[in-house]
Amino acid sequence: MALRFSANLSWLFPELPALPARLEAAAAAGFGAVEAAWPAGCPAQELRAAAERARVRIALLNTPPGDPEAGELGLAAVPGRQAAFRQGLEAAVHYARAVGCPRIHVMAGRVPLGTDRAAVAGEMETTFIENLKYTADLLSQEDMIGLLEPINNRITDPRYYLNTPHQAAAILEKVGRPNLKLQLDLFHCQIMDGNLSRNLETYFPLIGHIQIAQVPGRHEPDSPGELNFPYIFELLESLSYTGYVGCEYAPKGEWPAGLSPTGRAKHRPAGWELCKDRQVLGGTGSGCHPYLGMRALS
């Protein structure tokens, strides 16, 4: 079964300042879908219009981070911030509805400054579960899916509350709502646990979205690193994965002039070596995307 890739506009095409321009660049590169963190400063109607012009789906958005100046990165598990979380969730649902996005990453948030992780773990879990039940009820009215993403606390964010797929799966079981799923970023999973084949197989029934980046540099899948992405993609195909694979990494390669989904590169961009005959980007014709190294076939 062919995989479907989504360009993360918060990471890819950084030379373009605005999300609509990045979306259009993703479409020109052959992506059939995009995703983004909280789209601050971009009116929903502008993003939707760009998506409709480019015939690209918006696959995923995040809940708002809270107060970045106070060091917040999500609020769903943060005690005392329930009202702000619900306000942000409602804003995310409103935005997602306006742009036709069916999935929202519900950001757990960080362990509060000045507290010990172990000392507040129970209270944070209770808060998270209560907020997730509220989230599931709200999203069910919109036919949307809520996603929980574990973020590693070894390299990326030492204070983030949700760190492993095991922890996320246990919380999902306690919440018990079918419209909440696991968002498995293989970059974070490899750093925290490794054992990707078994983790993908074990948690596959819970997975609603996957994201990729090479480890440890968080660059393109074919950049030097620990992960064998041709094998991982074949494993996902063998599991009949039908969701999106989000490309969330800092690109080292650039999109060269003259390269499009219907043409060939004037020179070999980063990622060329991983080209495979696999319909992965959703574009027409054939071309090789420098960020993926995968061939898009009609």
C-alpha atoms as a PDB file:
ATOM      1  CA  MET A   1       0.000   0.000   0.000  1.00  0.00           C
ATOM      2  CA  ALA A   2       1.386   3.379  -1.043  1.00  0.00           C
ATOM      3  CA  LEU A   3       2.347   5.824   1.678  1.00  0.00           C
ATOM      4  CA  ARG A   4       1.064   9.391   1.827  1.00  0.00           C
ATOM      5  CA  PHE A   5       3.444  12.145   2.920  1.00  0.00           C
ATOM      6  CA  SER A   6       2.599  15.507   4.438  1.00  0.00           C
ATOM      7  CA  ALA A   7       4.915  18.530   4.393  1.00  0.00           C
ATOM      8  CA  ASN A   8       5.262  20.170   7.792  1.00  0.00           C
ATOM      9  CA  LEU A   9       5.101  23.880   6.976  1.00  0.00           C
ATOM     10  CA  SER A  10       6.570  24.854  10.336  1.00  0.00           C
ATOM     11  CA  TRP A  11       9.818  23.125   9.335  1.00  0.00           C
ATOM     12  CA  LEU A  12      10.075  22.830   5.551  1.00  0.00           C
ATOM     13  CA  PHE A  13      10.584  25.677   3.070  1.00  0.00           C
ATOM     14  CA  PRO A  14      12.002  28.008   5.762  1.00  0.00           C
ATOM     15  CA  GLU A  15      13.145  30.479   3.121  1.00  0.00           C
ATOM     16  CA  LEU A  16       9.474  31.448   2.660  1.00  0.00           C
ATOM     17  CA  PRO A  17       8.046  33.547   5.499  1.00  0.00           C
ATOM     18  CA  ALA A  18       4.312  32.910   5.139  1.00  0.00           C
ATOM     19  CA  LEU A  19       2.382  29.649   5.514  1.00  0.00           C
ATOM     20  CA  PRO A  20       0.363  30.084   2.273  1.00  0.00           C
ATOM     21  CA  ALA A  21       3.605  30.487   0.320  1.00  0.00           C
ATOM     22  CA  ARG A  22       5.063  27.407   1.986  1.00  0.00           C
ATOM     23  CA  LEU A  23       1.891  25.474   1.190  1.00  0.00           C
ATOM     24  CA  GLU A  24       2.150  26.447  -2.449  1.00  0.00           C
ATOM     25  CA  ALA A  25       5.817  25.401  -2.469  1.00  0.00           C
ATOM     26  CA  ALA A  26       4.857  22.048  -0.947  1.00  0.00           C
ATOM     27  CA  ALA A  27       2.261  21.537  -3.658  1.00  0.00           C
ATOM     28  CA  ALA A  28       4.802  22.418  -6.346  1.00  0.00           C
ATOM     29  CA  ALA A  29       7.141  19.855  -4.796  1.00  0.00           C
ATOM     30  CA  GLY A  30       4.476  17.184  -5.211  1.00  0.00           C
ATOM     31  CA  PHE A  31       3.029  16.947  -1.710  1.00  0.00           C
ATOM     32  CA  GLY A  32      -0.677  16.228  -1.581  1.00  0.00           C
ATOM     33  CA  ALA A  33      -1.011  17.286   2.059  1.00  0.00           C
ATOM     34  CA  VAL A  34       0.527  19.667   4.585  1.00  0.00           C
ATOM     35  CA  GLU A  35       0.572  20.090   8.355  1.00  0.00           C
ATOM     36  CA  ALA A  36       1.688  22.822  10.732  1.00  0.00           C
ATOM     37  CA  ALA A  37       2.021  23.795  14.355  1.00  0.00           C
ATOM     38  CA  TRP A  38      -0.236  26.568  15.607  1.00  0.00           C
ATOM     39  CA  PRO A  39      -0.592  28.894  12.564  1.00  0.00           C
ATOM     40  CA  ALA A  40      -0.175  32.185  14.418  1.00  0.00           C
ATOM     41  CA  GLY A  41      -0.550  35.219  12.216  1.00  0.00           C
ATOM     42  CA  CYS A  42      -2.114  33.381   9.299  1.00  0.00           C
ATOM     43  CA  PRO A  43      -5.877  33.909   8.936  1.00  0.00           C
ATOM     44  CA  ALA A  44      -7.744  30.672   8.310  1.00  0.00           C
ATOM     45  CA  GLN A  45      -9.348  31.966   5.126  1.00  0.00           C
ATOM     46  CA  GLU A  46      -5.937  32.699   3.609  1.00  0.00           C
ATOM     47  CA  LEU A  47      -4.615  29.216   4.344  1.00  0.00           C
ATOM     48  CA  ARG A  48      -7.803  27.563   3.101  1.00  0.00           C
ATOM     49  CA  ALA A  49      -7.735  29.599  -0.110  1.00  0.00           C
ATOM     50  CA  ALA A  50      -4.115  28.595  -0.731  1.00  0.00           C
ATOM     51  CA  ALA A  51      -4.976  24.941  -0.097  1.00  0.00           C
ATOM     52  CA  GLU A  52      -7.911  25.064  -2.479  1.00  0.00           C
ATOM     53  CA  ARG A  53      -5.841  26.723  -5.202  1.00  0.00           C
ATOM     54  CA  ALA A  54      -3.101  24.138  -4.813  1.00  0.00           C
ATOM     55  CA  ARG A  55      -5.507  21.213  -4.290  1.00  0.00           C
ATOM     56  CA  VAL A  56      -3.670  20.237  -1.133  1.00  0.00           C
ATOM     57  CA  ARG A  57      -5.213  18.859   2.044  1.00  0.00           C
ATOM     58  CA  ILE A  58      -4.408  20.255   5.474  1.00  0.00           C
ATOM     59  CA  ALA A  59      -3.835  17.105   7.492  1.00  0.00           C
ATOM     60  CA  LEU A  60      -2.832  18.277  10.966  1.00  0.00           C
ATOM     61  CA  LEU A  61      -2.662  21.313  13.259  1.00  0.00           C
ATOM     62  CA  ASN A  62      -1.600  21.743  16.891  1.00  0.00           C
ATOM     63  CA  THR A  63      -3.418  23.266  19.812  1.00  0.00           C
ATOM     64  CA  PRO A  64      -1.933  26.664  20.790  1.00  0.00           C
ATOM     65  CA  PRO A  65       1.249  26.477  22.902  1.00  0.00           C
ATOM     66  CA  GLY A  66       0.002  28.752  25.677  1.00  0.00           C
ATOM     67  CA  ASP A  67       2.339  31.536  26.757  1.00  0.00           C
ATOM     68  CA  PRO A  68       5.733  31.018  25.057  1.00  0.00           C
ATOM     69  CA  GLU A  69       7.272  33.883  27.037  1.00  0.00           C
ATOM     70  CA  ALA A  70       6.456  31.935  30.200  1.00  0.00           C
ATOM     71  CA  GLY A  71       8.064  28.839  28.722  1.00  0.00           C
ATOM     72  CA  GLU A  72       4.817  27.024  27.899  1.00  0.00           C
ATOM     73  CA  LEU A  73       4.566  24.463  25.106  1.00  0.00           C
ATOM     74  CA  GLY A  74       1.028  23.162  25.385  1.00  0.00           C
ATOM     75  CA  LEU A  75      -1.386  23.153  28.294  1.00  0.00           C
ATOM     76  CA  ALA A  76      -3.372  19.905  28.308  1.00  0.00           C
ATOM     77  CA  ALA A  77      -1.479  18.346  31.231  1.00  0.00           C
ATOM     78  CA  VAL A  78      -0.571  21.526  33.116  1.00  0.00           C
ATOM     79  CA  PRO A  79      -2.405  21.880  36.461  1.00  0.00           C
ATOM     80  CA  GLY A  80      -4.132  25.202  36.955  1.00  0.00           C
ATOM     81  CA  ARG A  81      -4.255  25.990  33.238  1.00  0.00           C
ATOM     82  CA  GLN A  82      -7.467  24.125  32.414  1.00  0.00           C
ATOM     83  CA  ALA A  83      -9.433  27.232  31.452  1.00  0.00           C
ATOM     84  CA  ALA A  84      -6.677  28.467  29.138  1.00  0.00           C
ATOM     85  CA  PHE A  85      -6.371  25.003  27.609  1.00  0.00           C
ATOM     86  CA  ARG A  86     -10.079  24.820  26.822  1.00  0.00           C
ATOM     87  CA  GLN A  87     -10.033  28.287  25.324  1.00  0.00           C
ATOM     88  CA  GLY A  88      -7.088  27.333  23.125  1.00  0.00           C
ATOM     89  CA  LEU A  89      -8.718  24.046  22.148  1.00  0.00           C
ATOM     90  CA  GLU A  90     -11.852  25.845  21.036  1.00  0.00           C
ATOM     91  CA  ALA A  91      -9.727  28.214  18.960  1.00  0.00           C
ATOM     92  CA  ALA A  92      -7.930  25.249  17.374  1.00  0.00           C
ATOM     93  CA  VAL A  93     -11.213  23.532  16.548  1.00  0.00           C
ATOM     94  CA  HIS A  94     -12.584  26.730  15.023  1.00  0.00           C
ATOM     95  CA  TYR A  95      -9.448  27.151  12.884  1.00  0.00           C
ATOM     96  CA  ALA A  96      -9.352  23.471  11.887  1.00  0.00           C
ATOM     97  CA  ARG A  97     -13.010  23.578  10.872  1.00  0.00           C
ATOM     98  CA  ALA A  98     -12.381  26.673   8.763  1.00  0.00           C
ATOM     99  CA  VAL A  99      -9.496  25.085   6.840  1.00  0.00           C
ATOM    100  CA  GLY A 100     -10.955  21.574   6.640  1.00  0.00           C
ATOM    101  CA  CYS A 101      -8.381  19.923   8.898  1.00  0.00           C
ATOM    102  CA  PRO A 102      -9.570  16.673  10.562  1.00  0.00           C
ATOM    103  CA  ARG A 103      -6.740  16.155  13.101  1.00  0.00           C
ATOM    104  CA  ILE A 104      -5.526  18.215  16.049  1.00  0.00           C
ATOM    105  CA  HIS A 105      -2.397  17.464  18.046  1.00  0.00           C
ATOM    106  CA  VAL A 106      -3.328  18.100  21.678  1.00  0.00           C
ATOM    107  CA  MET A 107      -0.075  19.352  23.186  1.00  0.00           C
ATOM    108  CA  ALA A 108       0.494  18.027  26.705  1.00  0.00           C
ATOM    109  CA  GLY A 109       2.852  20.749  27.886  1.00  0.00           C
ATOM    110  CA  ARG A 110       5.851  20.985  30.166  1.00  0.00           C
ATOM    111  CA  VAL A 111       6.468  20.151  33.798  1.00  0.00           C
ATOM    112  CA  PRO A 112       6.090  23.542  35.549  1.00  0.00           C
ATOM    113  CA  LEU A 113       9.287  25.369  36.370  1.00  0.00           C
ATOM    114  CA  GLY A 114      10.543  24.829  39.895  1.00  0.00           C
ATOM    115  CA  THR A 115       8.730  21.508  40.356  1.00  0.00           C
ATOM    116  CA  ASP A 116      10.026  17.959  40.453  1.00  0.00           C
ATOM    117  CA  ARG A 117       8.722  15.742  37.636  1.00  0.00           C
ATOM    118  CA  ALA A 118       8.071  12.768  39.913  1.00  0.00           C
ATOM    119  CA  ALA A 119       6.321  14.920  42.509  1.00  0.00           C
ATOM    120  CA  VAL A 120       3.805  16.369  40.047  1.00  0.00           C
ATOM    121  CA  ALA A 121       3.425  13.351  37.736  1.00  0.00           C
ATOM    122  CA  GLY A 122       0.180  12.161  39.318  1.00  0.00           C
ATOM    123  CA  GLU A 123      -1.469  15.565  39.264  1.00  0.00           C
ATOM    124  CA  MET A 124      -0.374  16.171  35.680  1.00  0.00           C
ATOM    125  CA  GLU A 125      -1.763  12.822  34.556  1.00  0.00           C
ATOM    126  CA  THR A 126      -5.096  13.553  36.243  1.00  0.00           C
ATOM    127  CA  THR A 127      -5.250  16.961  34.574  1.00  0.00           C
ATOM    128  CA  PHE A 128      -4.316  15.460  31.215  1.00  0.00           C
ATOM    129  CA  ILE A 129      -6.995  12.773  31.411  1.00  0.00           C
ATOM    130  CA  GLU A 130      -9.695  15.258  32.389  1.00  0.00           C
ATOM    131  CA  ASN A 131      -8.743  17.617  29.577  1.00  0.00           C
ATOM    132  CA  LEU A 132      -8.563  14.774  27.057  1.00  0.00           C
ATOM    133  CA  LYS A 133     -12.071  13.623  27.924  1.00  0.00           C
ATOM    134  CA  TYR A 134     -13.268  17.184  27.377  1.00  0.00           C
ATOM    135  CA  THR A 135     -11.304  17.256  24.100  1.00  0.00           C
ATOM    136  CA  ALA A 136     -12.789  13.983  22.872  1.00  0.00           C
ATOM    137  CA  ASP A 137     -16.323  15.193  23.541  1.00  0.00           C
ATOM    138  CA  LEU A 138     -15.718  18.453  21.693  1.00  0.00           C
ATOM    139  CA  LEU A 139     -13.964  16.829  18.735  1.00  0.00           C
ATOM    140  CA  SER A 140     -16.679  14.192  18.367  1.00  0.00           C
ATOM    141  CA  GLN A 141     -19.108  16.992  17.516  1.00  0.00           C
ATOM    142  CA  GLU A 142     -16.824  17.994  14.634  1.00  0.00           C
ATOM    143  CA  ASP A 143     -15.868  14.494  13.422  1.00  0.00           C
ATOM    144  CA  MET A 144     -12.228  15.279  14.246  1.00  0.00           C
ATOM    145  CA  ILE A 145      -9.398  13.199  15.719  1.00  0.00           C
ATOM    146  CA  GLY A 146      -7.267  14.302  18.660  1.00  0.00           C
ATOM    147  CA  LEU A 147      -3.634  13.188  18.717  1.00  0.00           C
ATOM    148  CA  LEU A 148      -1.134  12.720  21.555  1.00  0.00           C
ATOM    149  CA  GLU A 149       2.541  13.073  20.644  1.00  0.00           C
ATOM    150  CA  PRO A 150       5.326  11.898  22.964  1.00  0.00           C
ATOM    151  CA  ILE A 151       8.322  14.280  22.731  1.00  0.00           C
ATOM    152  CA  ASN A 152      11.708  13.122  23.924  1.00  0.00           C
ATOM    153  CA  ASN A 153      13.098  14.714  27.100  1.00  0.00           C
ATOM    154  CA  ARG A 154      16.691  13.624  26.486  1.00  0.00           C
ATOM    155  CA  ILE A 155      17.562  16.047  23.689  1.00  0.00           C
ATOM    156  CA  THR A 156      14.611  18.113  22.504  1.00  0.00           C
ATOM    157  CA  ASP A 157      12.696  19.194  25.607  1.00  0.00           C
ATOM    158  CA  PRO A 158      13.831  18.044  29.071  1.00  0.00           C
ATOM    159  CA  ARG A 159      10.660  19.358  30.730  1.00  0.00           C
ATOM    160  CA  TYR A 160       8.032  17.992  28.346  1.00  0.00           C
ATOM    161  CA  TYR A 161       5.519  15.836  30.203  1.00  0.00           C
ATOM    162  CA  LEU A 162       4.622  13.183  27.612  1.00  0.00           C
ATOM    163  CA  ASN A 163       7.767  11.343  26.532  1.00  0.00           C
ATOM    164  CA  THR A 164       7.149   7.756  25.378  1.00  0.00           C
ATOM    165  CA  PRO A 165       4.557   5.830  23.366  1.00  0.00           C
ATOM    166  CA  HIS A 166       4.106   3.539  26.387  1.00  0.00           C
ATOM    167  CA  GLN A 167       3.093   6.519  28.532  1.00  0.00           C
ATOM    168  CA  ALA A 168       0.776   7.831  25.807  1.00  0.00           C
ATOM    169  CA  ALA A 169      -0.836   4.418  25.293  1.00  0.00           C
ATOM    170  CA  ALA A 170      -1.525   4.088  29.033  1.00  0.00           C
ATOM    171  CA  ILE A 171      -3.196   7.500  29.099  1.00  0.00           C
ATOM    172  CA  LEU A 172      -5.250   6.720  25.990  1.00  0.00           C
ATOM    173  CA  GLU A 173      -6.454   3.531  27.673  1.00  0.00           C
ATOM    174  CA  LYS A 174      -7.523   5.457  30.779  1.00  0.00           C
ATOM    175  CA  VAL A 175      -9.366   8.058  28.703  1.00  0.00           C
ATOM    176  CA  GLY A 176     -11.023   5.377  26.587  1.00  0.00           C
ATOM    177  CA  ARG A 177     -12.246   7.491  23.673  1.00  0.00           C
ATOM    178  CA  PRO A 178     -11.992   6.188  20.090  1.00  0.00           C
ATOM    179  CA  ASN A 179     -11.402   9.622  18.560  1.00  0.00           C
ATOM    180  CA  LEU A 180      -8.102  10.065  20.422  1.00  0.00           C
ATOM    181  CA  LYS A 181      -5.035   8.495  18.816  1.00  0.00           C
ATOM    182  CA  LEU A 182      -1.252   8.322  19.062  1.00  0.00           C
ATOM    183  CA  GLN A 183       0.910  10.659  16.998  1.00  0.00           C
ATOM    184  CA  LEU A 184       4.176   8.753  16.705  1.00  0.00           C
ATOM    185  CA  ASP A 185       7.193  10.836  15.729  1.00  0.00           C
ATOM    186  CA  LEU A 186       9.930   8.330  14.952  1.00  0.00           C
ATOM    187  CA  PHE A 187      12.621  10.868  15.805  1.00  0.00           C
ATOM    188  CA  HIS A 188      11.410  11.105  19.398  1.00  0.00           C
ATOM    189  CA  CYS A 189      10.639   7.390  19.626  1.00  0.00           C
ATOM    190  CA  GLN A 190      14.135   6.393  18.527  1.00  0.00           C
ATOM    191  CA  ILE A 191      15.759   8.711  21.058  1.00  0.00           C
ATOM    192  CA  MET A 192      13.632   7.515  23.970  1.00  0.00           C
ATOM    193  CA  ASP A 193      13.309   3.815  23.241  1.00  0.00           C
ATOM    194  CA  GLY A 194      14.598   2.669  19.851  1.00  0.00           C
ATOM    195  CA  ASN A 195      13.162  -0.734  18.895  1.00  0.00           C
ATOM    196  CA  LEU A 196      11.133   0.985  16.171  1.00  0.00           C
ATOM    197  CA  SER A 197       9.919  -2.153  14.407  1.00  0.00           C
ATOM    198  CA  ARG A 198       8.381  -3.616  17.546  1.00  0.00           C
ATOM    199  CA  ASN A 199       7.028  -0.253  18.692  1.00  0.00           C
ATOM    200  CA  LEU A 200       5.339   0.344  15.344  1.00  0.00           C
ATOM    201  CA  GLU A 201       3.786  -3.113  15.422  1.00  0.00           C
ATOM    202  CA  THR A 202       2.768  -2.886  19.090  1.00  0.00           C
ATOM    203  CA  TYR A 203       1.182   0.548  18.940  1.00  0.00           C
ATOM    204  CA  PHE A 204      -0.081   0.355  15.367  1.00  0.00           C
ATOM    205  CA  PRO A 205      -3.774   0.046  16.369  1.00  0.00           C
ATOM    206  CA  LEU A 206      -3.458   3.346  18.278  1.00  0.00           C
ATOM    207  CA  ILE A 207      -1.548   5.312  15.639  1.00  0.00           C
ATOM    208  CA  GLY A 208      -3.379   8.161  13.938  1.00  0.00           C
ATOM    209  CA  HIS A 209      -0.390  10.019  12.496  1.00  0.00           C
ATOM    210  CA  ILE A 210       3.341   9.425  11.988  1.00  0.00           C
ATOM    211  CA  GLN A 211       6.180  11.921  11.658  1.00  0.00           C
ATOM    212  CA  ILE A 212       9.744  11.356  10.516  1.00  0.00           C
ATOM    213  CA  ALA A 213      13.239  12.818  10.818  1.00  0.00           C
ATOM    214  CA  GLN A 214      16.710  11.331  10.876  1.00  0.00           C
ATOM    215  CA  VAL A 215      18.396  10.795  14.243  1.00  0.00           C
ATOM    216  CA  PRO A 216      20.277  12.573  15.755  1.00  0.00           C
ATOM    217  CA  GLY A 217      20.455  15.561  13.393  1.00  0.00           C
ATOM    218  CA  ARG A 218      16.705  15.859  12.704  1.00  0.00           C
ATOM    219  CA  HIS A 219      17.323  16.328   8.997  1.00  0.00           C
ATOM    220  CA  GLU A 220      16.158  14.502   5.839  1.00  0.00           C
ATOM    221  CA  PRO A 221      15.541  10.751   6.052  1.00  0.00           C
ATOM    222  CA  ASP A 222      18.611   9.998   3.926  1.00  0.00           C
ATOM    223  CA  SER A 223      20.978  12.269   5.856  1.00  0.00           C
ATOM    224  CA  PRO A 224      23.590  10.436   7.976  1.00  0.00           C
ATOM    225  CA  GLY A 225      22.060   8.903  11.055  1.00  0.00           C
ATOM    226  CA  GLU A 226      20.661   5.929  12.884  1.00  0.00           C
ATOM    227  CA  LEU A 227      17.441   5.188  11.010  1.00  0.00           C
ATOM    228  CA  ASN A 228      16.986   2.979   7.941  1.00  0.00           C
ATOM    229  CA  PHE A 229      14.042   4.719   6.307  1.00  0.00           C
ATOM    230  CA  PRO A 230      13.654   2.450   3.253  1.00  0.00           C
ATOM    231  CA  TYR A 231      13.114  -0.410   5.709  1.00  0.00           C
ATOM    232  CA  ILE A 232      10.745   1.676   7.868  1.00  0.00           C
ATOM    233  CA  PHE A 233       8.671   2.730   4.860  1.00  0.00           C
ATOM    234  CA  GLU A 234       8.416  -0.871   3.704  1.00  0.00           C
ATOM    235  CA  LEU A 235       7.331  -1.892   7.208  1.00  0.00           C
ATOM    236  CA  LEU A 236       4.595   0.763   7.230  1.00  0.00           C
ATOM    237  CA  GLU A 237       3.409  -0.450   3.851  1.00  0.00           C
ATOM    238  CA  SER A 238       3.340  -4.041   5.073  1.00  0.00           C
ATOM    239  CA  LEU A 239       1.231  -2.931   8.042  1.00  0.00           C
ATOM    240  CA  SER A 240      -1.206  -1.292   5.579  1.00  0.00           C
ATOM    241  CA  TYR A 241      -0.748   2.129   7.143  1.00  0.00           C
ATOM    242  CA  THR A 242      -3.227   4.528   5.530  1.00  0.00           C
ATOM    243  CA  GLY A 243      -2.554   7.727   7.490  1.00  0.00           C
ATOM    244  CA  TYR A 244      -0.105  10.460   6.650  1.00  0.00           C
ATOM    245  CA  VAL A 245       3.634  10.463   7.268  1.00  0.00           C
ATOM    246  CA  GLY A 246       4.537  13.983   8.309  1.00  0.00           C
ATOM    247  CA  CYS A 247       7.897  15.369   7.223  1.00  0.00           C
ATOM    248  CA  GLU A 248       8.945  17.306  10.312  1.00  0.00           C
ATOM    249  CA  TYR A 249      12.636  18.072  10.132  1.00  0.00           C
ATOM    250  CA  ALA A 250      15.133  20.829   9.441  1.00  0.00           C
ATOM    251  CA  PRO A 251      16.055  20.499   5.756  1.00  0.00           C
ATOM    252  CA  LYS A 252      19.685  20.611   4.740  1.00  0.00           C
ATOM    253  CA  GLY A 253      18.910  20.376   1.027  1.00  0.00           C
ATOM    254  CA  GLU A 254      17.327  23.104  -1.073  1.00  0.00           C
ATOM    255  CA  TRP A 255      14.684  22.880  -3.768  1.00  0.00           C
ATOM    256  CA  PRO A 256      16.673  23.485  -6.971  1.00  0.00           C
ATOM    257  CA  ALA A 257      15.401  25.560  -9.871  1.00  0.00           C
ATOM    258  CA  GLY A 258      13.846  23.420 -12.567  1.00  0.00           C
ATOM    259  CA  LEU A 259      12.759  20.565 -10.302  1.00  0.00           C
ATOM    260  CA  SER A 260       9.046  19.825 -10.054  1.00  0.00           C
ATOM    261  CA  PRO A 261       6.867  16.747  -9.676  1.00  0.00           C
ATOM    262  CA  THR A 262       6.536  16.690 -13.469  1.00  0.00           C
ATOM    263  CA  GLY A 263      10.204  17.259 -14.286  1.00  0.00           C
ATOM    264  CA  ARG A 264      13.697  16.202 -13.332  1.00  0.00           C
ATOM    265  CA  ALA A 265      16.333  17.961 -11.308  1.00  0.00           C
ATOM    266  CA  LYS A 266      19.094  19.822 -13.067  1.00  0.00           C
ATOM    267  CA  HIS A 267      21.364  18.368 -10.426  1.00  0.00           C
ATOM    268  CA  ARG A 268      20.927  15.740  -7.756  1.00  0.00           C
ATOM    269  CA  PRO A 269      19.401  17.305  -4.659  1.00  0.00           C
ATOM    270  CA  ALA A 270      19.771  16.018  -1.160  1.00  0.00           C
ATOM    271  CA  GLY A 271      17.807  12.809  -0.804  1.00  0.00           C
ATOM    272  CA  TRP A 272      18.280  11.538  -4.342  1.00  0.00           C
ATOM    273  CA  GLU A 273      19.883   8.307  -3.208  1.00  0.00           C
ATOM    274  CA  LEU A 274      16.663   7.084  -1.577  1.00  0.00           C
ATOM    275  CA  CYS A 275      14.559   7.355  -4.738  1.00  0.00           C
ATOM    276  CA  LYS A 276      12.193   4.448  -5.010  1.00  0.00           C
ATOM    277  CA  ASP A 277       9.309   3.621  -7.316  1.00  0.00           C
ATOM    278  CA  ARG A 278       6.658   4.389  -4.744  1.00  0.00           C
ATOM    279  CA  GLN A 279       3.717   6.785  -4.996  1.00  0.00           C
ATOM    280  CA  VAL A 280       4.413   8.816  -1.899  1.00  0.00           C
ATOM    281  CA  LEU A 281       3.802  12.482  -2.522  1.00  0.00           C
ATOM    282  CA  GLY A 282       0.458  12.552  -4.246  1.00  0.00           C
ATOM    283  CA  GLY A 283       1.627  14.658  -7.196  1.00  0.00           C
ATOM    284  CA  THR A 284       1.419  13.899 -10.883  1.00  0.00           C
ATOM    285  CA  GLY A 285       4.198  12.754 -13.121  1.00  0.00           C
ATOM    286  CA  SER A 286       7.539  11.716 -11.707  1.00  0.00           C
ATOM    287  CA  GLY A 287      10.158  13.623  -9.796  1.00  0.00           C
ATOM    288  CA  CYS A 288      12.369  13.247  -6.787  1.00  0.00           C
ATOM    289  CA  HIS A 289      11.787  15.421  -3.764  1.00  0.00           C
ATOM    290  CA  PRO A 290      15.017  16.651  -2.150  1.00  0.00           C
ATOM    291  CA  TYR A 291      13.634  16.470   1.369  1.00  0.00           C
ATOM    292  CA  LEU A 292      12.448  12.875   1.022  1.00  0.00           C
ATOM    293  CA  GLY A 293      14.484  11.185  -1.647  1.00  0.00           C
ATOM    294  CA  MET A 294      11.360   9.390  -2.833  1.00  0.00           C
ATOM    295  CA  ARG A 295      10.077   9.222  -6.373  1.00  0.00           C
ATOM    296  CA  ALA A 296       6.522  10.459  -6.900  1.00  0.00           C
ATOM    297  CA  LEU A 297       4.755   8.458  -9.568  1.00  0.00           C
ATOM    298  CA  SER A 298       1.375   9.109 -11.062  1.00  0.00           C
END
